[in-house]
N, C-alpha and C. Protein backbone atom coordinates (compact mmCIF):
# COMPACT_ATOMS: atom_id res chain seq x y z
N MET A 1 20.86 2.29 -26.40
CA MET A 1 20.66 2.97 -25.14
C MET A 1 19.53 3.99 -25.25
N ASN A 2 19.51 4.70 -26.41
CA ASN A 2 18.44 5.68 -26.60
C ASN A 2 17.07 5.02 -26.62
N ARG A 3 17.01 3.77 -27.13
CA ARG A 3 15.74 3.06 -27.18
C ARG A 3 15.23 2.77 -25.77
N ILE A 4 16.14 2.37 -24.88
CA ILE A 4 15.75 2.09 -23.49
C ILE A 4 15.31 3.38 -22.80
N ILE A 5 16.03 4.46 -23.01
CA ILE A 5 15.66 5.74 -22.39
C ILE A 5 14.32 6.21 -22.94
N ARG A 6 14.12 6.08 -24.25
CA ARG A 6 12.84 6.50 -24.85
C ARG A 6 11.70 5.62 -24.35
N GLN A 7 11.98 4.32 -24.16
CA GLN A 7 10.96 3.40 -23.66
C GLN A 7 10.60 3.74 -22.20
N ALA A 8 11.58 4.11 -21.42
CA ALA A 8 11.33 4.40 -20.01
C ALA A 8 10.67 5.76 -19.81
N PHE A 9 11.15 6.77 -20.50
CA PHE A 9 10.69 8.13 -20.24
C PHE A 9 9.84 8.72 -21.34
N GLY A 10 9.79 8.07 -22.51
CA GLY A 10 9.01 8.60 -23.61
C GLY A 10 9.76 9.65 -24.42
N THR A 11 10.92 10.07 -23.97
CA THR A 11 11.71 11.08 -24.65
C THR A 11 13.17 10.93 -24.23
N THR A 12 14.06 11.60 -24.95
CA THR A 12 15.46 11.60 -24.55
C THR A 12 15.92 13.00 -24.13
N ARG A 13 15.00 13.94 -24.04
CA ARG A 13 15.37 15.29 -23.60
C ARG A 13 15.57 15.31 -22.10
N PRO A 14 16.68 15.85 -21.62
CA PRO A 14 16.97 15.83 -20.18
C PRO A 14 15.90 16.52 -19.33
N GLY A 15 15.36 17.63 -19.80
CA GLY A 15 14.35 18.35 -19.01
C GLY A 15 13.10 17.51 -18.80
N GLU A 16 12.66 16.84 -19.84
CA GLU A 16 11.46 16.01 -19.71
C GLU A 16 11.74 14.75 -18.88
N ILE A 17 12.97 14.23 -18.96
CA ILE A 17 13.33 13.07 -18.13
C ILE A 17 13.30 13.45 -16.65
N TYR A 18 13.87 14.62 -16.30
CA TYR A 18 13.85 15.06 -14.91
C TYR A 18 12.42 15.30 -14.44
N ASN A 19 11.59 15.85 -15.32
CA ASN A 19 10.19 16.07 -14.97
C ASN A 19 9.48 14.74 -14.70
N SER A 20 9.75 13.72 -15.51
CA SER A 20 9.14 12.40 -15.29
C SER A 20 9.62 11.80 -13.98
N LEU A 21 10.87 12.00 -13.65
CA LEU A 21 11.40 11.44 -12.40
C LEU A 21 10.83 12.14 -11.18
N LEU A 22 10.55 13.42 -11.27
CA LEU A 22 10.09 14.17 -10.11
C LEU A 22 8.58 14.11 -9.91
N THR A 23 7.79 13.87 -10.95
CA THR A 23 6.34 13.99 -10.82
C THR A 23 5.62 12.66 -10.70
N PHE A 24 6.23 11.54 -10.98
CA PHE A 24 5.60 10.22 -10.93
C PHE A 24 4.41 10.10 -11.88
N ASP A 25 4.39 10.90 -12.95
CA ASP A 25 3.33 10.78 -13.95
C ASP A 25 3.50 9.52 -14.79
N ARG A 26 4.70 9.05 -14.90
CA ARG A 26 4.99 7.87 -15.71
C ARG A 26 5.81 6.90 -14.87
N LEU A 27 5.47 5.62 -14.97
CA LEU A 27 6.24 4.60 -14.27
C LEU A 27 7.46 4.26 -15.11
N VAL A 28 8.65 4.48 -14.58
CA VAL A 28 9.87 4.26 -15.33
C VAL A 28 10.56 2.96 -14.92
N THR A 29 9.93 2.19 -14.05
CA THR A 29 10.59 1.01 -13.51
C THR A 29 10.58 -0.16 -14.48
N LYS A 30 9.59 -0.24 -15.38
CA LYS A 30 9.49 -1.39 -16.27
C LYS A 30 10.77 -1.64 -17.08
N PRO A 31 11.30 -0.66 -17.79
CA PRO A 31 12.52 -0.92 -18.55
C PRO A 31 13.72 -1.20 -17.64
N ILE A 32 13.71 -0.63 -16.45
CA ILE A 32 14.82 -0.85 -15.52
C ILE A 32 14.80 -2.29 -15.02
N VAL A 33 13.62 -2.89 -14.90
CA VAL A 33 13.52 -4.29 -14.47
C VAL A 33 14.24 -5.19 -15.47
N HIS A 34 14.16 -4.87 -16.76
CA HIS A 34 14.86 -5.67 -17.77
C HIS A 34 16.38 -5.63 -17.54
N ILE A 35 16.87 -4.45 -17.24
CA ILE A 35 18.31 -4.32 -17.00
C ILE A 35 18.71 -5.09 -15.74
N VAL A 36 17.91 -4.99 -14.69
CA VAL A 36 18.19 -5.71 -13.44
C VAL A 36 18.13 -7.23 -13.69
N TYR A 37 17.17 -7.68 -14.50
CA TYR A 37 17.04 -9.10 -14.80
C TYR A 37 18.30 -9.62 -15.51
N TRP A 38 18.77 -8.90 -16.52
CA TRP A 38 19.96 -9.35 -17.24
C TRP A 38 21.21 -9.26 -16.37
N ALA A 39 21.29 -8.28 -15.49
CA ALA A 39 22.43 -8.21 -14.57
C ALA A 39 22.42 -9.41 -13.62
N GLY A 40 21.23 -9.80 -13.16
CA GLY A 40 21.12 -10.99 -12.31
C GLY A 40 21.53 -12.25 -13.05
N LEU A 41 21.12 -12.36 -14.33
CA LEU A 41 21.54 -13.53 -15.12
C LEU A 41 23.05 -13.57 -15.29
N CYS A 42 23.67 -12.42 -15.45
CA CYS A 42 25.14 -12.38 -15.55
C CYS A 42 25.77 -12.87 -14.25
N LEU A 43 25.20 -12.49 -13.12
CA LEU A 43 25.73 -12.97 -11.84
C LEU A 43 25.56 -14.48 -11.71
N PHE A 44 24.43 -15.01 -12.16
CA PHE A 44 24.24 -16.46 -12.13
C PHE A 44 25.25 -17.17 -13.05
N PHE A 45 25.54 -16.56 -14.20
CA PHE A 45 26.54 -17.14 -15.11
C PHE A 45 27.91 -17.15 -14.45
N LEU A 46 28.26 -16.06 -13.77
CA LEU A 46 29.54 -16.03 -13.06
C LEU A 46 29.57 -17.08 -11.95
N GLY A 47 28.43 -17.27 -11.28
CA GLY A 47 28.34 -18.31 -10.25
C GLY A 47 28.52 -19.70 -10.83
N ALA A 48 27.97 -19.96 -12.03
CA ALA A 48 28.13 -21.26 -12.69
C ALA A 48 29.59 -21.49 -13.05
N CYS A 49 30.25 -20.44 -13.54
CA CYS A 49 31.69 -20.57 -13.86
C CYS A 49 32.49 -20.80 -12.58
N GLY A 50 32.10 -20.16 -11.50
CA GLY A 50 32.78 -20.35 -10.22
C GLY A 50 32.61 -21.76 -9.69
N VAL A 51 31.42 -22.34 -9.84
CA VAL A 51 31.19 -23.72 -9.40
C VAL A 51 32.07 -24.67 -10.19
N ALA A 52 32.13 -24.45 -11.50
CA ALA A 52 32.97 -25.31 -12.33
C ALA A 52 34.44 -25.15 -11.95
N GLY A 53 34.88 -23.91 -11.70
CA GLY A 53 36.27 -23.67 -11.32
C GLY A 53 36.63 -24.31 -9.99
N VAL A 54 35.73 -24.22 -9.01
CA VAL A 54 35.99 -24.82 -7.70
C VAL A 54 36.07 -26.34 -7.83
N ALA A 55 35.16 -26.91 -8.63
CA ALA A 55 35.15 -28.37 -8.80
C ALA A 55 36.43 -28.85 -9.46
N VAL A 56 36.85 -28.19 -10.53
CA VAL A 56 38.08 -28.60 -11.22
C VAL A 56 39.29 -28.36 -10.33
N GLY A 57 39.33 -27.25 -9.63
CA GLY A 57 40.45 -26.97 -8.73
C GLY A 57 40.56 -28.00 -7.62
N GLN A 58 39.45 -28.41 -7.05
CA GLN A 58 39.46 -29.42 -5.99
C GLN A 58 39.91 -30.77 -6.54
N ALA A 59 39.46 -31.10 -7.76
CA ALA A 59 39.86 -32.38 -8.37
C ALA A 59 41.35 -32.39 -8.69
N LEU A 60 41.87 -31.26 -9.15
CA LEU A 60 43.31 -31.19 -9.45
C LEU A 60 44.14 -31.26 -8.17
N GLN A 61 43.64 -30.70 -7.10
CA GLN A 61 44.39 -30.71 -5.85
C GLN A 61 44.48 -32.14 -5.28
N ASP A 62 43.37 -32.90 -5.32
CA ASP A 62 43.39 -34.26 -4.78
C ASP A 62 44.02 -35.23 -5.77
N GLY A 63 43.75 -35.10 -7.04
CA GLY A 63 44.43 -35.87 -8.08
C GLY A 63 43.92 -37.26 -8.36
N GLY A 64 43.13 -37.88 -7.55
CA GLY A 64 42.69 -39.26 -7.80
C GLY A 64 41.42 -39.30 -8.64
N PRO A 65 41.07 -40.52 -9.11
CA PRO A 65 39.85 -40.66 -9.91
C PRO A 65 38.59 -40.39 -9.07
N MET A 66 38.66 -40.68 -7.80
CA MET A 66 37.53 -40.41 -6.93
C MET A 66 37.31 -38.89 -6.80
N ALA A 67 38.37 -38.12 -6.80
CA ALA A 67 38.25 -36.66 -6.72
C ALA A 67 37.57 -36.12 -7.97
N TRP A 68 37.89 -36.69 -9.15
CA TRP A 68 37.25 -36.25 -10.39
C TRP A 68 35.77 -36.63 -10.40
N LEU A 69 35.43 -37.78 -9.86
CA LEU A 69 34.03 -38.20 -9.77
C LEU A 69 33.26 -37.27 -8.82
N LEU A 70 33.90 -36.92 -7.70
CA LEU A 70 33.28 -35.98 -6.76
C LEU A 70 33.13 -34.60 -7.39
N ALA A 71 34.12 -34.19 -8.18
CA ALA A 71 34.05 -32.89 -8.86
C ALA A 71 32.92 -32.87 -9.89
N LEU A 72 32.73 -33.99 -10.59
CA LEU A 72 31.64 -34.07 -11.56
C LEU A 72 30.28 -33.93 -10.85
N GLY A 73 30.14 -34.63 -9.72
CA GLY A 73 28.90 -34.50 -8.94
C GLY A 73 28.69 -33.07 -8.45
N LEU A 74 29.78 -32.41 -8.01
CA LEU A 74 29.69 -31.03 -7.55
C LEU A 74 29.26 -30.10 -8.68
N VAL A 75 29.78 -30.31 -9.87
CA VAL A 75 29.40 -29.48 -11.02
C VAL A 75 27.92 -29.67 -11.35
N VAL A 76 27.48 -30.94 -11.39
CA VAL A 76 26.08 -31.21 -11.75
C VAL A 76 25.13 -30.61 -10.71
N ILE A 77 25.41 -30.84 -9.43
CA ILE A 77 24.53 -30.30 -8.39
C ILE A 77 24.60 -28.77 -8.36
N GLY A 78 25.78 -28.22 -8.51
CA GLY A 78 25.93 -26.75 -8.51
C GLY A 78 25.19 -26.11 -9.66
N TRP A 79 25.31 -26.69 -10.86
CA TRP A 79 24.62 -26.11 -12.02
C TRP A 79 23.11 -26.27 -11.91
N LEU A 80 22.64 -27.37 -11.32
CA LEU A 80 21.20 -27.52 -11.11
C LEU A 80 20.68 -26.47 -10.14
N LEU A 81 21.44 -26.21 -9.08
CA LEU A 81 21.04 -25.17 -8.14
C LEU A 81 21.05 -23.79 -8.79
N ILE A 82 22.03 -23.55 -9.65
CA ILE A 82 22.09 -22.27 -10.35
C ILE A 82 20.91 -22.15 -11.31
N LEU A 83 20.54 -23.24 -11.98
CA LEU A 83 19.39 -23.23 -12.88
C LEU A 83 18.10 -22.94 -12.10
N ILE A 84 17.94 -23.56 -10.94
CA ILE A 84 16.78 -23.29 -10.10
C ILE A 84 16.79 -21.83 -9.64
N GLY A 85 17.94 -21.32 -9.29
CA GLY A 85 18.06 -19.91 -8.90
C GLY A 85 17.68 -18.98 -10.03
N MET A 86 18.08 -19.32 -11.26
CA MET A 86 17.71 -18.50 -12.41
C MET A 86 16.20 -18.50 -12.63
N LEU A 87 15.56 -19.65 -12.44
CA LEU A 87 14.11 -19.72 -12.59
C LEU A 87 13.40 -18.90 -11.51
N VAL A 88 13.91 -18.96 -10.29
CA VAL A 88 13.32 -18.16 -9.21
C VAL A 88 13.53 -16.68 -9.49
N TRP A 89 14.71 -16.32 -9.98
CA TRP A 89 14.99 -14.92 -10.32
C TRP A 89 14.05 -14.43 -11.42
N ARG A 90 13.83 -15.27 -12.44
CA ARG A 90 12.91 -14.92 -13.53
C ARG A 90 11.50 -14.73 -12.98
N SER A 91 11.04 -15.64 -12.13
CA SER A 91 9.68 -15.51 -11.60
C SER A 91 9.55 -14.29 -10.70
N ALA A 92 10.58 -13.94 -9.96
CA ALA A 92 10.52 -12.73 -9.12
C ALA A 92 10.41 -11.48 -9.99
N CYS A 93 11.18 -11.43 -11.08
CA CYS A 93 11.09 -10.29 -11.99
C CYS A 93 9.73 -10.24 -12.69
N GLU A 94 9.20 -11.40 -13.08
CA GLU A 94 7.87 -11.43 -13.70
C GLU A 94 6.80 -10.99 -12.72
N PHE A 95 6.92 -11.39 -11.46
CA PHE A 95 5.95 -10.96 -10.45
C PHE A 95 5.97 -9.45 -10.31
N TYR A 96 7.16 -8.87 -10.28
CA TYR A 96 7.27 -7.42 -10.16
C TYR A 96 6.65 -6.74 -11.37
N MET A 97 6.89 -7.29 -12.57
CA MET A 97 6.29 -6.74 -13.79
C MET A 97 4.77 -6.85 -13.75
N ALA A 98 4.24 -7.95 -13.18
CA ALA A 98 2.79 -8.12 -13.08
C ALA A 98 2.19 -7.07 -12.14
N VAL A 99 2.87 -6.78 -11.04
CA VAL A 99 2.39 -5.76 -10.11
C VAL A 99 2.38 -4.40 -10.79
N LEU A 100 3.40 -4.10 -11.57
CA LEU A 100 3.43 -2.83 -12.30
C LEU A 100 2.33 -2.78 -13.35
N SER A 101 2.06 -3.89 -13.99
CA SER A 101 0.99 -3.94 -14.98
C SER A 101 -0.36 -3.71 -14.33
N ILE A 102 -0.57 -4.27 -13.15
CA ILE A 102 -1.82 -4.04 -12.42
C ILE A 102 -1.96 -2.56 -12.08
N ALA A 103 -0.87 -1.93 -11.68
CA ALA A 103 -0.91 -0.51 -11.35
C ALA A 103 -1.29 0.32 -12.57
N GLU A 104 -0.76 -0.02 -13.74
CA GLU A 104 -1.11 0.71 -14.96
C GLU A 104 -2.56 0.47 -15.34
N ASP A 105 -3.04 -0.76 -15.18
CA ASP A 105 -4.43 -1.06 -15.50
C ASP A 105 -5.38 -0.30 -14.57
N LEU A 106 -5.03 -0.22 -13.30
CA LEU A 106 -5.86 0.55 -12.36
C LEU A 106 -5.87 2.03 -12.71
N ARG A 107 -4.74 2.55 -13.15
CA ARG A 107 -4.68 3.96 -13.55
C ARG A 107 -5.60 4.19 -14.75
N THR A 108 -5.58 3.26 -15.71
CA THR A 108 -6.43 3.39 -16.88
C THR A 108 -7.90 3.30 -16.50
N LEU A 109 -8.25 2.36 -15.62
CA LEU A 109 -9.63 2.24 -15.17
C LEU A 109 -10.09 3.48 -14.41
N ARG A 110 -9.21 4.02 -13.60
CA ARG A 110 -9.56 5.22 -12.85
C ARG A 110 -9.81 6.39 -13.80
N GLN A 111 -8.97 6.54 -14.83
CA GLN A 111 -9.18 7.62 -15.80
C GLN A 111 -10.49 7.42 -16.54
N TYR A 112 -10.82 6.17 -16.89
CA TYR A 112 -12.07 5.88 -17.57
C TYR A 112 -13.25 6.21 -16.66
N GLN A 113 -13.16 5.84 -15.38
CA GLN A 113 -14.24 6.11 -14.44
C GLN A 113 -14.41 7.61 -14.24
N GLU A 114 -13.32 8.34 -14.14
CA GLU A 114 -13.43 9.78 -13.98
C GLU A 114 -14.03 10.43 -15.21
N LYS A 115 -13.73 9.88 -16.38
CA LYS A 115 -14.32 10.41 -17.61
C LYS A 115 -15.83 10.19 -17.61
N LEU A 116 -16.29 9.05 -17.07
CA LEU A 116 -17.73 8.78 -17.00
C LEU A 116 -18.43 9.69 -16.01
N GLU A 117 -17.74 10.07 -14.94
CA GLU A 117 -18.35 10.86 -13.87
C GLU A 117 -18.03 12.34 -13.96
N MET A 118 -17.63 12.82 -15.15
CA MET A 118 -17.30 14.24 -15.29
C MET A 118 -18.52 15.09 -14.96
N PRO A 119 -18.33 16.18 -14.22
CA PRO A 119 -19.48 17.02 -13.87
C PRO A 119 -20.04 17.69 -15.12
N LYS A 120 -21.34 17.78 -15.17
CA LYS A 120 -22.02 18.42 -16.29
C LYS A 120 -21.90 19.93 -16.14
N ILE A 121 -21.71 20.62 -17.25
CA ILE A 121 -21.62 22.07 -17.24
C ILE A 121 -23.04 22.63 -17.25
N ALA A 122 -23.29 23.56 -16.38
CA ALA A 122 -24.63 24.14 -16.28
C ALA A 122 -24.94 24.95 -17.54
N VAL A 123 -26.09 24.66 -18.14
CA VAL A 123 -26.53 25.37 -19.33
C VAL A 123 -27.57 26.40 -18.89
N PRO A 124 -27.52 27.61 -19.42
CA PRO A 124 -28.51 28.61 -19.02
C PRO A 124 -29.92 28.12 -19.36
N ALA A 125 -30.85 28.45 -18.50
CA ALA A 125 -32.23 28.00 -18.69
C ALA A 125 -32.84 28.69 -19.90
N ALA A 126 -33.59 27.90 -20.67
CA ALA A 126 -34.26 28.43 -21.86
C ALA A 126 -35.59 29.04 -21.44
N ALA A 127 -36.17 29.79 -22.36
CA ALA A 127 -37.48 30.39 -22.09
C ALA A 127 -38.51 29.28 -21.94
N PRO A 128 -39.53 29.48 -21.11
CA PRO A 128 -40.55 28.45 -20.94
C PRO A 128 -41.24 28.14 -22.26
N GLN A 129 -41.53 26.86 -22.46
CA GLN A 129 -42.15 26.42 -23.71
C GLN A 129 -43.65 26.28 -23.50
N PRO A 130 -44.38 26.33 -24.56
CA PRO A 130 -45.82 26.12 -24.43
C PRO A 130 -46.12 24.72 -23.92
N GLN A 131 -47.32 24.54 -23.37
CA GLN A 131 -47.72 23.28 -22.74
C GLN A 131 -47.69 22.12 -23.72
N ALA A 132 -48.09 22.28 -24.95
CA ALA A 132 -48.16 21.19 -25.93
C ALA A 132 -46.77 20.65 -26.23
N VAL A 133 -45.80 21.53 -26.35
CA VAL A 133 -44.44 21.10 -26.63
C VAL A 133 -43.84 20.42 -25.40
N ALA A 134 -44.12 20.92 -24.22
CA ALA A 134 -43.57 20.35 -23.01
C ALA A 134 -44.09 18.94 -22.77
N GLU A 135 -45.32 18.62 -23.15
CA GLU A 135 -45.85 17.28 -22.96
C GLU A 135 -45.20 16.28 -23.91
N SER A 136 -44.84 16.72 -25.10
CA SER A 136 -44.23 15.79 -26.06
C SER A 136 -42.75 15.58 -25.79
N PHE A 137 -42.19 16.38 -24.92
CA PHE A 137 -40.77 16.25 -24.62
C PHE A 137 -40.52 15.02 -23.74
N THR A 138 -39.59 14.18 -24.16
CA THR A 138 -39.21 13.02 -23.34
C THR A 138 -37.75 13.20 -22.95
N PRO A 139 -37.45 13.04 -21.68
CA PRO A 139 -36.05 13.23 -21.26
C PRO A 139 -35.16 12.12 -21.81
N LYS A 140 -33.91 12.48 -22.08
CA LYS A 140 -32.96 11.48 -22.55
C LYS A 140 -32.56 10.56 -21.42
N VAL A 141 -32.36 9.30 -21.76
CA VAL A 141 -32.02 8.30 -20.77
C VAL A 141 -30.50 8.16 -20.74
N ASP A 142 -29.94 8.19 -19.55
CA ASP A 142 -28.50 7.99 -19.40
C ASP A 142 -28.21 6.51 -19.58
N PRO A 143 -27.39 6.11 -20.58
CA PRO A 143 -27.17 4.69 -20.85
C PRO A 143 -26.39 3.98 -19.76
N LEU A 144 -25.70 4.70 -18.89
CA LEU A 144 -24.90 4.05 -17.87
C LEU A 144 -25.63 3.89 -16.54
N LYS A 145 -26.76 4.52 -16.39
CA LYS A 145 -27.52 4.40 -15.14
C LYS A 145 -28.47 3.22 -15.24
N PHE A 146 -28.62 2.50 -14.15
CA PHE A 146 -29.53 1.36 -14.11
C PHE A 146 -30.94 1.86 -13.84
N GLU A 147 -31.85 1.45 -14.70
CA GLU A 147 -33.25 1.77 -14.50
C GLU A 147 -34.04 0.48 -14.60
N PRO A 148 -34.84 0.15 -13.61
CA PRO A 148 -35.61 -1.09 -13.68
C PRO A 148 -36.65 -1.00 -14.79
N PRO A 149 -37.03 -2.13 -15.39
CA PRO A 149 -38.02 -2.10 -16.47
C PRO A 149 -39.39 -1.70 -15.92
N ALA A 150 -40.26 -1.31 -16.84
CA ALA A 150 -41.60 -0.90 -16.45
C ALA A 150 -42.34 -2.07 -15.82
N ALA A 151 -43.34 -1.78 -15.00
CA ALA A 151 -44.08 -2.82 -14.28
C ALA A 151 -44.84 -3.74 -15.22
N ASP A 152 -45.26 -3.26 -16.40
CA ASP A 152 -46.03 -4.09 -17.31
C ASP A 152 -45.16 -5.04 -18.13
N SER A 153 -43.85 -4.94 -18.01
CA SER A 153 -42.94 -5.80 -18.76
C SER A 153 -42.94 -7.21 -18.19
N SER A 154 -42.91 -8.21 -19.08
CA SER A 154 -42.91 -9.60 -18.62
C SER A 154 -41.50 -10.14 -18.39
N GLU A 155 -40.49 -9.38 -18.77
CA GLU A 155 -39.11 -9.82 -18.59
C GLU A 155 -38.69 -9.64 -17.14
N PRO A 156 -37.85 -10.55 -16.61
CA PRO A 156 -37.36 -10.36 -15.25
C PRO A 156 -36.39 -9.18 -15.18
N ALA A 157 -36.38 -8.53 -14.07
CA ALA A 157 -35.52 -7.36 -13.89
C ALA A 157 -34.07 -7.82 -13.74
N PRO A 158 -33.13 -7.21 -14.49
CA PRO A 158 -31.72 -7.56 -14.31
C PRO A 158 -31.21 -7.04 -12.98
N ALA A 159 -30.14 -7.65 -12.51
CA ALA A 159 -29.56 -7.25 -11.24
C ALA A 159 -29.01 -5.84 -11.35
N PRO A 160 -29.20 -5.01 -10.34
CA PRO A 160 -28.67 -3.65 -10.41
C PRO A 160 -27.15 -3.66 -10.38
N GLU A 161 -26.57 -2.69 -11.06
CA GLU A 161 -25.12 -2.56 -11.13
C GLU A 161 -24.70 -1.36 -10.30
N THR A 162 -23.51 -1.42 -9.81
CA THR A 162 -23.03 -0.30 -9.01
C THR A 162 -22.71 0.89 -9.88
N GLY A 163 -22.31 0.65 -11.12
CA GLY A 163 -21.95 1.75 -12.00
C GLY A 163 -20.55 2.25 -11.76
N ASN A 164 -19.79 1.58 -10.93
CA ASN A 164 -18.43 2.00 -10.63
C ASN A 164 -17.49 0.86 -10.97
N ILE A 165 -16.64 1.07 -11.96
CA ILE A 165 -15.74 0.02 -12.42
C ILE A 165 -14.75 -0.35 -11.32
N LEU A 166 -14.33 0.61 -10.51
CA LEU A 166 -13.32 0.34 -9.50
C LEU A 166 -13.88 -0.48 -8.34
N GLU A 167 -15.19 -0.40 -8.07
CA GLU A 167 -15.77 -1.15 -6.97
C GLU A 167 -16.28 -2.51 -7.41
N ASP A 168 -16.72 -2.64 -8.66
CA ASP A 168 -17.28 -3.89 -9.16
C ASP A 168 -16.44 -4.38 -10.32
N PRO A 169 -15.64 -5.44 -10.14
CA PRO A 169 -14.75 -5.87 -11.21
C PRO A 169 -15.48 -6.47 -12.40
N PHE A 170 -16.76 -6.84 -12.23
CA PHE A 170 -17.52 -7.44 -13.32
C PHE A 170 -18.47 -6.45 -13.98
N PHE A 171 -18.30 -5.16 -13.70
CA PHE A 171 -19.17 -4.14 -14.26
C PHE A 171 -18.92 -4.02 -15.75
N ARG A 172 -19.96 -4.11 -16.53
CA ARG A 172 -19.91 -3.87 -17.96
C ARG A 172 -21.00 -2.85 -18.29
N PRO A 173 -20.62 -1.67 -18.76
CA PRO A 173 -21.65 -0.69 -19.06
C PRO A 173 -22.55 -1.19 -20.20
N ARG A 174 -23.84 -1.01 -20.02
CA ARG A 174 -24.80 -1.41 -21.05
C ARG A 174 -25.30 -0.16 -21.72
N PHE A 175 -25.02 -0.02 -22.99
CA PHE A 175 -25.44 1.14 -23.75
C PHE A 175 -26.74 0.80 -24.45
N ARG A 176 -27.70 1.66 -24.28
CA ARG A 176 -29.01 1.42 -24.87
C ARG A 176 -29.06 1.97 -26.29
N GLN A 177 -29.82 1.30 -27.10
CA GLN A 177 -30.03 1.76 -28.48
C GLN A 177 -31.28 2.62 -28.50
N ASP A 178 -31.14 3.91 -28.83
CA ASP A 178 -32.30 4.80 -28.89
C ASP A 178 -32.90 4.83 -30.27
């Protein structure tokens, strides 16, 4: 039980669990989906036992060989329907897990994008430099910004990128080698 609580909340301390529940900083639904899935499977198992019980009870009540043949057909059809229900239940739980996984991936991408777009801290201006030093100074190139190649280059210009991972799903930052 502690493993499930630690998996869901990251801790077993009550104060931190309440904080996780109130702030939505962590998604706690993933481990709970496992519990709901197994509870659903238990209900399907009870349904399978119920189908078998109804079939045997009906066969015992009628008593003839035809009743037993009908009961066998009822058991086979009932268990096939229960098996199909279990597969649908599994796929519904997997779909929910996939939606939660997408939400976590988007959160990670958003944090990565915000890290790329962090505001620069203003640095105090330095004293003016002599003209000779200022001419030799070359500004640093931001590796994530798209800059078209020089006009004298014979290579074709690559397609411009948006620079935003959340808007362009195929964005791959190109880091330049200086």
